[in-house]
Amino acid sequence: MTADNGFLKNCFALTGSIGTGKSAVAAMLQDLGAHIIDTDLIAREVVEPGKPAMEEIRRHFGGEVICDDGTLNREKLREEIIRDPDRRETLNRITHPRINEVVLDRITRCNEMNDGMPIIIDVPLLFESGWERFFPRIILAYAPVPVQTDRLMARDRLDRHTAELTIAAQMSIEEKKGRATYLIDNSGALDDTRKQVEVLFRTLLEATGGR
């Protein structure tokens, strides 16, 4: 990935934090006509059985992180990373270049459509991963911490203390708000969020010269 203003001229990064409803915002933007490039989905694609990344993971981490059906044993891999932080760097060196390659290819394909539609790069850990430097225009889906906590408890069936610790382990939503270009308050009803997204989409179209 390179910070090429021409290549990325129609691109906007979308991020959030756990429990802020970023995926809902992405779906709404897609319904309006935006192109969505989901880096989380791409990260799963590059480690599918038979892909080169999986062979590298097997060489570096051993067969115990591979399930019998050839898929990645994410729980075992997570344990390895927690036990030895250097292993996370190893995993990143294996997967990140391949993720970048796919993202660039999909941006290229969107640019070739020449339809002026915004290209939304959905990056869950945009600020934490350093991808912020590639995208001068950032959309943040946010919600207050109590709302995040309630959503996380309901979604993952966590107790309040565990949910609060999980949220506290991430960069604070207030810091992210200070670094974003566009804000979507996703703390209320979906209809309220949709109205904000429709206004945002018109703003993005003005920036890209779309219809």
C-alpha atoms as a PDB file:
ATOM      1  CA  MET A   1       0.000   0.000   0.000  1.00  0.00           C
ATOM      2  CA  THR A   2       1.295   3.445  -0.902  1.00  0.00           C
ATOM      3  CA  ALA A   3      -0.112   6.875  -0.134  1.00  0.00           C
ATOM      4  CA  ASP A   4      -0.709   7.704  -3.839  1.00  0.00           C
ATOM      5  CA  ASN A   5      -3.225  10.537  -3.948  1.00  0.00           C
ATOM      6  CA  GLY A   6      -4.141   9.832  -7.585  1.00  0.00           C
ATOM      7  CA  PHE A   7      -4.662   6.120  -7.130  1.00  0.00           C
ATOM      8  CA  LEU A   8      -6.587   6.645  -3.885  1.00  0.00           C
ATOM      9  CA  LYS A   9      -8.480   9.757  -4.983  1.00  0.00           C
ATOM     10  CA  ASN A  10     -11.901   8.104  -4.609  1.00  0.00           C
ATOM     11  CA  CYS A  11     -10.939   6.139  -1.493  1.00  0.00           C
ATOM     12  CA  PHE A  12     -12.121   6.659   2.060  1.00  0.00           C
ATOM     13  CA  ALA A  13     -11.193   4.519   5.042  1.00  0.00           C
ATOM     14  CA  LEU A  14     -13.960   3.301   7.343  1.00  0.00           C
ATOM     15  CA  THR A  15     -13.165   2.234  10.877  1.00  0.00           C
ATOM     16  CA  GLY A  16     -14.666   2.040  14.343  1.00  0.00           C
ATOM     17  CA  SER A  17     -14.188   0.148  17.572  1.00  0.00           C
ATOM     18  CA  ILE A  18     -15.708  -3.010  18.955  1.00  0.00           C
ATOM     19  CA  GLY A  19     -19.447  -2.533  19.411  1.00  0.00           C
ATOM     20  CA  THR A  20     -19.737   0.691  17.393  1.00  0.00           C
ATOM     21  CA  GLY A  21     -21.611  -0.840  14.462  1.00  0.00           C
ATOM     22  CA  LYS A  22     -19.072  -0.207  11.705  1.00  0.00           C
ATOM     23  CA  SER A  23     -20.378  -3.137   9.664  1.00  0.00           C
ATOM     24  CA  ALA A  24     -23.884  -1.659   9.658  1.00  0.00           C
ATOM     25  CA  VAL A  25     -22.513   1.623   8.329  1.00  0.00           C
ATOM     26  CA  ALA A  26     -20.562  -0.229   5.627  1.00  0.00           C
ATOM     27  CA  ALA A  27     -23.714  -2.081   4.556  1.00  0.00           C
ATOM     28  CA  MET A  28     -25.662   1.180   4.328  1.00  0.00           C
ATOM     29  CA  LEU A  29     -22.955   2.796   2.203  1.00  0.00           C
ATOM     30  CA  GLN A  30     -22.933  -0.235  -0.072  1.00  0.00           C
ATOM     31  CA  ASP A  31     -26.723  -0.045  -0.456  1.00  0.00           C
ATOM     32  CA  LEU A  32     -26.288   3.552  -1.626  1.00  0.00           C
ATOM     33  CA  GLY A  33     -23.800   2.499  -4.308  1.00  0.00           C
ATOM     34  CA  ALA A  34     -20.384   2.759  -2.679  1.00  0.00           C
ATOM     35  CA  HIS A  35     -17.767   0.114  -3.410  1.00  0.00           C
ATOM     36  CA  ILE A  36     -16.779  -1.710  -0.202  1.00  0.00           C
ATOM     37  CA  ILE A  37     -13.404  -3.400   0.253  1.00  0.00           C
ATOM     38  CA  ASP A  38     -13.495  -5.398   3.493  1.00  0.00           C
ATOM     39  CA  THR A  39      -9.950  -5.970   4.768  1.00  0.00           C
ATOM     40  CA  ASP A  40     -11.178  -8.319   7.504  1.00  0.00           C
ATOM     41  CA  LEU A  41     -12.718 -10.569   4.871  1.00  0.00           C
ATOM     42  CA  ILE A  42      -9.564 -10.342   2.756  1.00  0.00           C
ATOM     43  CA  ALA A  43      -7.458 -11.327   5.776  1.00  0.00           C
ATOM     44  CA  ARG A  44      -9.518 -14.522   5.977  1.00  0.00           C
ATOM     45  CA  GLU A  45      -9.255 -15.154   2.244  1.00  0.00           C
ATOM     46  CA  VAL A  46      -5.441 -15.046   2.192  1.00  0.00           C
ATOM     47  CA  VAL A  47      -5.230 -17.852   4.771  1.00  0.00           C
ATOM     48  CA  GLU A  48      -7.677 -20.211   3.092  1.00  0.00           C
ATOM     49  CA  PRO A  49      -6.496 -23.820   2.658  1.00  0.00           C
ATOM     50  CA  GLY A  50      -3.955 -24.176  -0.114  1.00  0.00           C
ATOM     51  CA  LYS A  51      -3.025 -20.482  -0.215  1.00  0.00           C
ATOM     52  CA  PRO A  52       0.731 -19.655  -0.005  1.00  0.00           C
ATOM     53  CA  ALA A  53       0.223 -17.850   3.322  1.00  0.00           C
ATOM     54  CA  MET A  54      -1.075 -21.050   4.906  1.00  0.00           C
ATOM     55  CA  GLU A  55       2.036 -22.944   3.889  1.00  0.00           C
ATOM     56  CA  GLU A  56       4.218 -20.249   5.445  1.00  0.00           C
ATOM     57  CA  ILE A  57       2.150 -20.305   8.622  1.00  0.00           C
ATOM     58  CA  ARG A  58       2.585 -24.066   8.795  1.00  0.00           C
ATOM     59  CA  ARG A  59       6.364 -23.734   8.412  1.00  0.00           C
ATOM     60  CA  HIS A  60       6.697 -21.044  11.079  1.00  0.00           C
ATOM     61  CA  PHE A  61       4.049 -22.151  13.586  1.00  0.00           C
ATOM     62  CA  GLY A  62       3.795 -25.894  13.040  1.00  0.00           C
ATOM     63  CA  GLY A  63       0.943 -28.174  12.084  1.00  0.00           C
ATOM     64  CA  GLU A  64      -0.862 -27.705  15.396  1.00  0.00           C
ATOM     65  CA  VAL A  65      -2.265 -24.365  14.179  1.00  0.00           C
ATOM     66  CA  ILE A  66      -3.872 -26.109  11.190  1.00  0.00           C
ATOM     67  CA  CYS A  67      -7.151 -28.016  11.600  1.00  0.00           C
ATOM     68  CA  ASP A  68      -7.661 -31.478  10.122  1.00  0.00           C
ATOM     69  CA  ASP A  69      -9.673 -29.978   7.261  1.00  0.00           C
ATOM     70  CA  GLY A  70      -6.785 -27.667   6.342  1.00  0.00           C
ATOM     71  CA  THR A  71      -8.308 -24.498   7.752  1.00  0.00           C
ATOM     72  CA  LEU A  72      -6.547 -22.223  10.206  1.00  0.00           C
ATOM     73  CA  ASN A  73      -7.021 -23.093  13.879  1.00  0.00           C
ATOM     74  CA  ARG A  74      -7.480 -19.509  15.003  1.00  0.00           C
ATOM     75  CA  GLU A  75      -7.735 -20.394  18.687  1.00  0.00           C
ATOM     76  CA  LYS A  76      -4.377 -22.205  18.648  1.00  0.00           C
ATOM     77  CA  LEU A  77      -2.771 -19.417  16.651  1.00  0.00           C
ATOM     78  CA  ARG A  78      -4.129 -16.835  19.094  1.00  0.00           C
ATOM     79  CA  GLU A  79      -2.593 -18.784  21.982  1.00  0.00           C
ATOM     80  CA  GLU A  80       0.777 -18.779  20.203  1.00  0.00           C
ATOM     81  CA  ILE A  81       0.637 -15.032  19.686  1.00  0.00           C
ATOM     82  CA  ILE A  82      -0.363 -14.328  23.280  1.00  0.00           C
ATOM     83  CA  ARG A  83       2.432 -16.534  24.589  1.00  0.00           C
ATOM     84  CA  ASP A  84       5.109 -14.933  22.402  1.00  0.00           C
ATOM     85  CA  PRO A  85       4.449 -11.409  21.026  1.00  0.00           C
ATOM     86  CA  ASP A  86       7.243 -11.861  18.470  1.00  0.00           C
ATOM     87  CA  ARG A  87       5.050 -14.479  16.846  1.00  0.00           C
ATOM     88  CA  ARG A  88       2.511 -11.763  16.028  1.00  0.00           C
ATOM     89  CA  GLU A  89       5.186  -9.952  14.035  1.00  0.00           C
ATOM     90  CA  THR A  90       5.941 -13.185  12.203  1.00  0.00           C
ATOM     91  CA  LEU A  91       2.268 -13.633  11.360  1.00  0.00           C
ATOM     92  CA  ASN A  92       1.992 -10.017  10.210  1.00  0.00           C
ATOM     93  CA  ARG A  93       5.007 -10.424   7.917  1.00  0.00           C
ATOM     94  CA  ILE A  94       3.289 -13.408   6.327  1.00  0.00           C
ATOM     95  CA  THR A  95      -0.200 -11.973   5.931  1.00  0.00           C
ATOM     96  CA  HIS A  96       0.077  -8.183   5.579  1.00  0.00           C
ATOM     97  CA  PRO A  97       1.846  -8.052   2.188  1.00  0.00           C
ATOM     98  CA  ARG A  98      -0.738 -10.431   0.767  1.00  0.00           C
ATOM     99  CA  ILE A  99      -3.627  -8.436   2.222  1.00  0.00           C
ATOM    100  CA  ASN A 100      -2.120  -5.245   0.770  1.00  0.00           C
ATOM    101  CA  GLU A 101      -1.804  -6.885  -2.644  1.00  0.00           C
ATOM    102  CA  VAL A 102      -5.469  -7.896  -2.714  1.00  0.00           C
ATOM    103  CA  VAL A 103      -6.627  -4.471  -1.483  1.00  0.00           C
ATOM    104  CA  LEU A 104      -4.604  -2.723  -4.204  1.00  0.00           C
ATOM    105  CA  ASP A 105      -5.994  -5.072  -6.846  1.00  0.00           C
ATOM    106  CA  ARG A 106      -9.567  -4.367  -5.766  1.00  0.00           C
ATOM    107  CA  ILE A 107      -8.997  -0.608  -5.670  1.00  0.00           C
ATOM    108  CA  THR A 108      -7.597  -0.876  -9.206  1.00  0.00           C
ATOM    109  CA  ARG A 109     -10.709  -2.718 -10.357  1.00  0.00           C
ATOM    110  CA  CYS A 110     -12.977  -0.119  -8.750  1.00  0.00           C
ATOM    111  CA  ASN A 111     -10.993   2.706 -10.382  1.00  0.00           C
ATOM    112  CA  GLU A 112     -11.328   0.998 -13.762  1.00  0.00           C
ATOM    113  CA  MET A 113     -15.123   1.208 -13.464  1.00  0.00           C
ATOM    114  CA  ASN A 114     -14.682   4.995 -13.610  1.00  0.00           C
ATOM    115  CA  ASP A 115     -18.145   5.512 -12.120  1.00  0.00           C
ATOM    116  CA  GLY A 116     -17.168   8.150  -9.569  1.00  0.00           C
ATOM    117  CA  MET A 117     -18.548   6.065  -6.732  1.00  0.00           C
ATOM    118  CA  PRO A 118     -16.741   6.294  -3.380  1.00  0.00           C
ATOM    119  CA  ILE A 119     -14.445   3.366  -2.618  1.00  0.00           C
ATOM    120  CA  ILE A 120     -14.721   2.474   1.062  1.00  0.00           C
ATOM    121  CA  ILE A 121     -11.808   0.559   2.582  1.00  0.00           C
ATOM    122  CA  ASP A 122     -13.187  -1.104   5.708  1.00  0.00           C
ATOM    123  CA  VAL A 123     -10.269  -1.431   8.159  1.00  0.00           C
ATOM    124  CA  PRO A 124     -11.244  -2.485  11.715  1.00  0.00           C
ATOM    125  CA  LEU A 125      -7.912  -1.485  13.305  1.00  0.00           C
ATOM    126  CA  LEU A 126      -7.047   1.415  11.008  1.00  0.00           C
ATOM    127  CA  PHE A 127      -5.248   3.569  13.573  1.00  0.00           C
ATOM    128  CA  GLU A 128      -3.699   0.683  15.471  1.00  0.00           C
ATOM    129  CA  SER A 129      -2.277  -0.913  12.303  1.00  0.00           C
ATOM    130  CA  GLY A 130      -0.772   2.281  10.888  1.00  0.00           C
ATOM    131  CA  TRP A 131      -3.009   2.280   7.796  1.00  0.00           C
ATOM    132  CA  GLU A 132      -4.158   5.775   8.752  1.00  0.00           C
ATOM    133  CA  ARG A 133      -1.186   7.193   6.829  1.00  0.00           C
ATOM    134  CA  PHE A 134      -2.543   5.881   3.515  1.00  0.00           C
ATOM    135  CA  PHE A 135      -5.981   7.477   3.835  1.00  0.00           C
ATOM    136  CA  PRO A 136      -6.271  11.219   4.498  1.00  0.00           C
ATOM    137  CA  ARG A 137     -10.086  10.883   4.619  1.00  0.00           C
ATOM    138  CA  ILE A 138     -11.372   8.655   7.397  1.00  0.00           C
ATOM    139  CA  ILE A 139     -14.943   7.757   8.365  1.00  0.00           C
ATOM    140  CA  LEU A 140     -15.468   6.697  11.979  1.00  0.00           C
ATOM    141  CA  ALA A 141     -18.522   4.851  13.247  1.00  0.00           C
ATOM    142  CA  TYR A 142     -18.680   5.559  16.963  1.00  0.00           C
ATOM    143  CA  ALA A 143     -20.798   5.003  20.043  1.00  0.00           C
ATOM    144  CA  PRO A 144     -20.261   5.945  23.703  1.00  0.00           C
ATOM    145  CA  VAL A 145     -18.440   3.376  25.814  1.00  0.00           C
ATOM    146  CA  PRO A 146     -21.566   2.335  27.783  1.00  0.00           C
ATOM    147  CA  VAL A 147     -23.310   1.540  24.484  1.00  0.00           C
ATOM    148  CA  GLN A 148     -20.253  -0.360  23.255  1.00  0.00           C
ATOM    149  CA  THR A 149     -20.228  -2.315  26.510  1.00  0.00           C
ATOM    150  CA  ASP A 150     -23.905  -3.294  26.335  1.00  0.00           C
ATOM    151  CA  ARG A 151     -23.583  -4.374  22.703  1.00  0.00           C
ATOM    152  CA  LEU A 152     -20.477  -6.431  23.376  1.00  0.00           C
ATOM    153  CA  MET A 153     -22.109  -8.143  26.362  1.00  0.00           C
ATOM    154  CA  ALA A 154     -25.138  -9.056  24.242  1.00  0.00           C
ATOM    155  CA  ARG A 155     -23.175 -10.118  21.166  1.00  0.00           C
ATOM    156  CA  ASP A 156     -20.458 -12.193  22.817  1.00  0.00           C
ATOM    157  CA  ARG A 157     -22.330 -13.096  26.017  1.00  0.00           C
ATOM    158  CA  LEU A 158     -19.669 -11.494  28.191  1.00  0.00           C
ATOM    159  CA  ASP A 159     -20.016 -10.224  31.726  1.00  0.00           C
ATOM    160  CA  ARG A 160     -19.707  -6.456  32.142  1.00  0.00           C
ATOM    161  CA  HIS A 161     -16.194  -6.556  33.601  1.00  0.00           C
ATOM    162  CA  THR A 162     -14.818  -8.625  30.717  1.00  0.00           C
ATOM    163  CA  ALA A 163     -16.554  -6.419  28.156  1.00  0.00           C
ATOM    164  CA  GLU A 164     -15.126  -3.289  29.761  1.00  0.00           C
ATOM    165  CA  LEU A 165     -11.618  -4.772  29.781  1.00  0.00           C
ATOM    166  CA  THR A 166     -11.949  -5.730  26.118  1.00  0.00           C
ATOM    167  CA  ILE A 167     -12.946  -2.194  25.156  1.00  0.00           C
ATOM    168  CA  ALA A 168     -10.253  -0.643  27.356  1.00  0.00           C
ATOM    169  CA  ALA A 169      -7.607  -2.701  25.546  1.00  0.00           C
ATOM    170  CA  GLN A 170      -8.346  -0.798  22.315  1.00  0.00           C
ATOM    171  CA  MET A 171      -7.494   2.780  21.432  1.00  0.00           C
ATOM    172  CA  SER A 172     -10.164   4.991  23.008  1.00  0.00           C
ATOM    173  CA  ILE A 173     -13.071   6.009  20.818  1.00  0.00           C
ATOM    174  CA  GLU A 174     -12.506   9.641  21.823  1.00  0.00           C
ATOM    175  CA  GLU A 175      -8.958   9.552  20.457  1.00  0.00           C
ATOM    176  CA  LYS A 176     -10.220   8.013  17.229  1.00  0.00           C
ATOM    177  CA  LYS A 177     -12.867  10.736  16.921  1.00  0.00           C
ATOM    178  CA  GLY A 178     -10.119  13.331  17.086  1.00  0.00           C
ATOM    179  CA  ARG A 179      -8.290  11.678  14.177  1.00  0.00           C
ATOM    180  CA  ALA A 180     -11.256  11.040  11.876  1.00  0.00           C
ATOM    181  CA  THR A 181     -12.575  13.230   9.057  1.00  0.00           C
ATOM    182  CA  TYR A 182     -16.227  12.154   9.122  1.00  0.00           C
ATOM    183  CA  LEU A 183     -18.171  10.942  12.162  1.00  0.00           C
ATOM    184  CA  ILE A 184     -21.221   8.690  12.263  1.00  0.00           C
ATOM    185  CA  ASP A 185     -22.933   8.533  15.663  1.00  0.00           C
ATOM    186  CA  ASN A 186     -24.210   4.968  15.758  1.00  0.00           C
ATOM    187  CA  SER A 187     -25.467   5.000  19.332  1.00  0.00           C
ATOM    188  CA  GLY A 188     -29.164   5.269  18.521  1.00  0.00           C
ATOM    189  CA  ALA A 189     -31.712   3.662  16.232  1.00  0.00           C
ATOM    190  CA  LEU A 190     -30.641   2.332  12.839  1.00  0.00           C
ATOM    191  CA  ASP A 191     -32.933   4.845  11.123  1.00  0.00           C
ATOM    192  CA  ASP A 192     -30.975   7.660  12.774  1.00  0.00           C
ATOM    193  CA  THR A 193     -27.718   6.125  11.584  1.00  0.00           C
ATOM    194  CA  ARG A 194     -29.102   5.683   8.058  1.00  0.00           C
ATOM    195  CA  LYS A 195     -30.010   9.385   7.841  1.00  0.00           C
ATOM    196  CA  GLN A 196     -26.452  10.325   8.804  1.00  0.00           C
ATOM    197  CA  VAL A 197     -25.017   7.867   6.287  1.00  0.00           C
ATOM    198  CA  GLU A 198     -27.186   9.300   3.495  1.00  0.00           C
ATOM    199  CA  VAL A 199     -25.868  12.793   4.249  1.00  0.00           C
ATOM    200  CA  LEU A 200     -22.319  11.453   4.387  1.00  0.00           C
ATOM    201  CA  PHE A 201     -22.749   9.637   1.072  1.00  0.00           C
ATOM    202  CA  ARG A 202     -23.757  12.869  -0.661  1.00  0.00           C
ATOM    203  CA  THR A 203     -20.643  14.506   0.786  1.00  0.00           C
ATOM    204  CA  LEU A 204     -18.463  11.665  -0.487  1.00  0.00           C
ATOM    205  CA  LEU A 205     -20.037  11.923  -3.948  1.00  0.00           C
ATOM    206  CA  GLU A 206     -19.198  15.618  -4.058  1.00  0.00           C
ATOM    207  CA  ALA A 207     -15.592  14.736  -3.235  1.00  0.00           C
ATOM    208  CA  THR A 208     -15.349  12.044  -5.925  1.00  0.00           C
ATOM    209  CA  GLY A 209     -17.397  13.774  -8.613  1.00  0.00           C
ATOM    210  CA  GLY A 210     -19.861  10.895  -8.701  1.00  0.00           C
ATOM    211  CA  ARG A 211     -23.454  11.169  -9.844  1.00  0.00           C
END
